Amino acid sequence: MAQLIYAKTHPDPRGKLTVVDGIIPFDVKRIFYIYDVKEERGNHGHKRNKSALFCVKGKCKVRVNNAGNITTFDLDLPEKILVLEPEEYRTMFDFSEDAVLMVLASEHYDADDYVNEPPQ
């Protein structure tokens, strides 16, 4: 089930440092980021891949469809991380102009792992 977790942030007069290691509930095999977004992204689920999504800059929303139960999450803080299970169909939208969405994945890219039809 989709869950929000919060990374520990260490502020000081020089700025903030947020630590992600040690809190992601799976081994990370793939890292990518999405930016300069002009339209919805995602619109898929997975067979095996777990994901952790967070905006390192800006903000966006993520709509999660889990067996027909739909929840929308605001990723509006860099320390707010959305962890998704494979079967959770996700759509990322409403990106701010400056948004950079980082994705940590439990599996390397595999086109056969994608589920392109939303659950009913």
C-alpha atoms as a PDB file:
ATOM      1  CA  MET A   1       0.000   0.000   0.000  1.00  0.00           C
ATOM      2  CA  ALA A   2       1.297   3.480  -0.888  1.00  0.00           C
ATOM      3  CA  GLN A   3       2.869   5.221   2.064  1.00  0.00           C
ATOM      4  CA  LEU A   4       4.531   8.534   2.769  1.00  0.00           C
ATOM      5  CA  ILE A   5       7.788   8.495   4.676  1.00  0.00           C
ATOM      6  CA  TYR A   6       9.889  11.471   5.684  1.00  0.00           C
ATOM      7  CA  ALA A   7      13.645  11.712   5.290  1.00  0.00           C
ATOM      8  CA  LYS A   8      15.661  13.284   8.100  1.00  0.00           C
ATOM      9  CA  THR A   9      16.657  16.847   7.272  1.00  0.00           C
ATOM     10  CA  HIS A  10      19.596  18.583   8.941  1.00  0.00           C
ATOM     11  CA  PRO A  11      19.309  22.388   8.702  1.00  0.00           C
ATOM     12  CA  ASP A  12      22.148  24.729   9.653  1.00  0.00           C
ATOM     13  CA  PRO A  13      23.174  28.273   8.673  1.00  0.00           C
ATOM     14  CA  ARG A  14      24.674  26.974   5.396  1.00  0.00           C
ATOM     15  CA  GLY A  15      21.432  25.336   4.233  1.00  0.00           C
ATOM     16  CA  LYS A  16      19.705  21.977   4.545  1.00  0.00           C
ATOM     17  CA  LEU A  17      20.940  18.432   4.009  1.00  0.00           C
ATOM     18  CA  THR A  18      18.373  15.641   3.634  1.00  0.00           C
ATOM     19  CA  VAL A  19      19.439  12.004   4.033  1.00  0.00           C
ATOM     20  CA  VAL A  20      17.563   9.315   2.085  1.00  0.00           C
ATOM     21  CA  ASP A  21      19.777   6.289   2.668  1.00  0.00           C
ATOM     22  CA  GLY A  22      18.609   3.813   5.276  1.00  0.00           C
ATOM     23  CA  ILE A  23      14.896   4.666   5.003  1.00  0.00           C
ATOM     24  CA  ILE A  24      13.939   3.272   1.578  1.00  0.00           C
ATOM     25  CA  PRO A  25      12.304  -0.131   2.250  1.00  0.00           C
ATOM     26  CA  PHE A  26      13.995  -1.915  -0.669  1.00  0.00           C
ATOM     27  CA  ASP A  27      17.386  -2.190  -2.355  1.00  0.00           C
ATOM     28  CA  VAL A  28      17.742   0.535  -4.997  1.00  0.00           C
ATOM     29  CA  LYS A  29      18.849  -0.717  -8.422  1.00  0.00           C
ATOM     30  CA  ARG A  30      17.781   2.203 -10.622  1.00  0.00           C
ATOM     31  CA  ILE A  31      17.704   5.973 -10.114  1.00  0.00           C
ATOM     32  CA  PHE A  32      16.220   8.515 -12.513  1.00  0.00           C
ATOM     33  CA  TYR A  33      14.626  11.940 -12.425  1.00  0.00           C
ATOM     34  CA  ILE A  34      11.900  13.688 -14.390  1.00  0.00           C
ATOM     35  CA  TYR A  35      11.849  17.440 -15.121  1.00  0.00           C
ATOM     36  CA  ASP A  36      10.608  20.036 -17.631  1.00  0.00           C
ATOM     37  CA  VAL A  37       7.304  18.160 -17.548  1.00  0.00           C
ATOM     38  CA  LYS A  38       4.626  19.383 -19.972  1.00  0.00           C
ATOM     39  CA  GLU A  39       1.930  16.730 -19.380  1.00  0.00           C
ATOM     40  CA  GLU A  40       1.049  13.768 -17.164  1.00  0.00           C
ATOM     41  CA  ARG A  41       3.719  11.134 -16.616  1.00  0.00           C
ATOM     42  CA  GLY A  42       3.567   7.572 -15.384  1.00  0.00           C
ATOM     43  CA  ASN A  43       0.170   6.091 -16.171  1.00  0.00           C
ATOM     44  CA  HIS A  44       1.406   2.597 -15.363  1.00  0.00           C
ATOM     45  CA  GLY A  45       1.994   0.054 -12.633  1.00  0.00           C
ATOM     46  CA  HIS A  46       4.543  -2.733 -12.378  1.00  0.00           C
ATOM     47  CA  LYS A  47       4.678  -6.473 -11.900  1.00  0.00           C
ATOM     48  CA  ARG A  48       7.801  -6.486  -9.658  1.00  0.00           C
ATOM     49  CA  ASN A  49       9.265  -2.992  -9.363  1.00  0.00           C
ATOM     50  CA  LYS A  50       8.821  -0.968  -6.157  1.00  0.00           C
ATOM     51  CA  SER A  51       9.358   2.790  -6.344  1.00  0.00           C
ATOM     52  CA  ALA A  52      10.140   5.723  -4.070  1.00  0.00           C
ATOM     53  CA  LEU A  53       9.256   9.164  -5.486  1.00  0.00           C
ATOM     54  CA  PHE A  54      10.168  12.611  -4.162  1.00  0.00           C
ATOM     55  CA  CYS A  55      10.537  16.112  -5.551  1.00  0.00           C
ATOM     56  CA  VAL A  56      14.047  17.347  -4.913  1.00  0.00           C
ATOM     57  CA  LYS A  57      12.823  20.693  -6.239  1.00  0.00           C
ATOM     58  CA  GLY A  58       9.373  22.117  -6.831  1.00  0.00           C
ATOM     59  CA  LYS A  59       6.257  20.011  -6.402  1.00  0.00           C
ATOM     60  CA  CYS A  60       3.864  17.646  -8.128  1.00  0.00           C
ATOM     61  CA  LYS A  61       0.946  15.357  -7.360  1.00  0.00           C
ATOM     62  CA  VAL A  62       0.761  11.587  -7.674  1.00  0.00           C
ATOM     63  CA  ARG A  63      -2.540   9.780  -8.159  1.00  0.00           C
ATOM     64  CA  VAL A  64      -2.333   6.172  -7.001  1.00  0.00           C
ATOM     65  CA  ASN A  65      -4.891   3.567  -8.050  1.00  0.00           C
ATOM     66  CA  ASN A  66      -4.686   0.465  -5.867  1.00  0.00           C
ATOM     67  CA  ALA A  67      -7.327  -2.059  -6.956  1.00  0.00           C
ATOM     68  CA  GLY A  68      -9.788   0.751  -7.709  1.00  0.00           C
ATOM     69  CA  ASN A  69      -9.057   2.751  -4.529  1.00  0.00           C
ATOM     70  CA  ILE A  70      -7.697   6.100  -5.695  1.00  0.00           C
ATOM     71  CA  THR A  71      -5.621   8.409  -3.495  1.00  0.00           C
ATOM     72  CA  THR A  72      -3.785  11.589  -4.470  1.00  0.00           C
ATOM     73  CA  PHE A  73      -0.532  12.548  -2.757  1.00  0.00           C
ATOM     74  CA  ASP A  74       1.132  15.985  -2.802  1.00  0.00           C
ATOM     75  CA  LEU A  75       4.895  15.794  -3.120  1.00  0.00           C
ATOM     76  CA  ASP A  76       5.619  19.330  -2.012  1.00  0.00           C
ATOM     77  CA  LEU A  77       8.630  18.947   0.308  1.00  0.00           C
ATOM     78  CA  PRO A  78      12.000  17.405  -0.615  1.00  0.00           C
ATOM     79  CA  GLU A  79      11.924  15.232   2.504  1.00  0.00           C
ATOM     80  CA  LYS A  80       8.455  13.781   1.682  1.00  0.00           C
ATOM     81  CA  ILE A  81       8.888  10.416  -0.070  1.00  0.00           C
ATOM     82  CA  LEU A  82       6.073   8.343  -1.580  1.00  0.00           C
ATOM     83  CA  VAL A  83       6.780   4.602  -1.556  1.00  0.00           C
ATOM     84  CA  LEU A  84       4.755   2.575  -4.074  1.00  0.00           C
ATOM     85  CA  GLU A  85       4.249  -1.160  -4.389  1.00  0.00           C
ATOM     86  CA  PRO A  86       4.421  -2.755  -7.858  1.00  0.00           C
ATOM     87  CA  GLU A  87       0.667  -3.172  -8.401  1.00  0.00           C
ATOM     88  CA  GLU A  88      -0.077   0.469  -7.616  1.00  0.00           C
ATOM     89  CA  TYR A  89      -0.929   2.275 -10.842  1.00  0.00           C
ATOM     90  CA  ARG A  90       0.576   5.751 -10.678  1.00  0.00           C
ATOM     91  CA  THR A  91       0.028   8.995 -12.539  1.00  0.00           C
ATOM     92  CA  MET A  92       2.211  12.030 -11.853  1.00  0.00           C
ATOM     93  CA  PHE A  93       0.687  15.404 -12.718  1.00  0.00           C
ATOM     94  CA  ASP A  94       0.379  19.092 -11.801  1.00  0.00           C
ATOM     95  CA  PHE A  95       4.144  19.645 -11.881  1.00  0.00           C
ATOM     96  CA  SER A  96       5.392  23.075 -10.881  1.00  0.00           C
ATOM     97  CA  GLU A  97       7.553  24.730 -13.522  1.00  0.00           C
ATOM     98  CA  ASP A  98      10.712  24.073 -11.483  1.00  0.00           C
ATOM     99  CA  ALA A  99       9.832  20.496 -10.415  1.00  0.00           C
ATOM    100  CA  VAL A 100      12.452  17.749 -10.422  1.00  0.00           C
ATOM    101  CA  LEU A 101      10.936  14.381  -9.463  1.00  0.00           C
ATOM    102  CA  MET A 102      13.503  11.776  -8.341  1.00  0.00           C
ATOM    103  CA  VAL A 103      12.555   8.097  -8.582  1.00  0.00           C
ATOM    104  CA  LEU A 104      14.375   5.265  -6.821  1.00  0.00           C
ATOM    105  CA  ALA A 105      13.445   1.832  -8.169  1.00  0.00           C
ATOM    106  CA  SER A 106      13.931  -1.685  -6.854  1.00  0.00           C
ATOM    107  CA  GLU A 107      14.542  -3.143 -10.329  1.00  0.00           C
ATOM    108  CA  HIS A 108      16.508  -2.250 -13.437  1.00  0.00           C
ATOM    109  CA  TYR A 109      14.422  -1.089 -16.405  1.00  0.00           C
ATOM    110  CA  ASP A 110      12.422  -3.921 -17.982  1.00  0.00           C
ATOM    111  CA  ALA A 111       9.681  -3.096 -20.511  1.00  0.00           C
ATOM    112  CA  ASP A 112       7.954  -6.404 -19.675  1.00  0.00           C
ATOM    113  CA  ASP A 113       7.524  -5.305 -16.040  1.00  0.00           C
ATOM    114  CA  TYR A 114       5.109  -2.484 -16.953  1.00  0.00           C
ATOM    115  CA  VAL A 115       1.333  -2.771 -16.467  1.00  0.00           C
ATOM    116  CA  ASN A 116      -0.303  -0.193 -18.737  1.00  0.00           C
ATOM    117  CA  GLU A 117      -3.963  -0.757 -17.830  1.00  0.00           C
ATOM    118  CA  PRO A 118      -5.316   0.738 -14.580  1.00  0.00           C
ATOM    119  CA  PRO A 119      -6.919  -1.644 -12.091  1.00  0.00           C
ATOM    120  CA  GLN A 120     -10.707  -1.755 -11.994  1.00  0.00           C
END
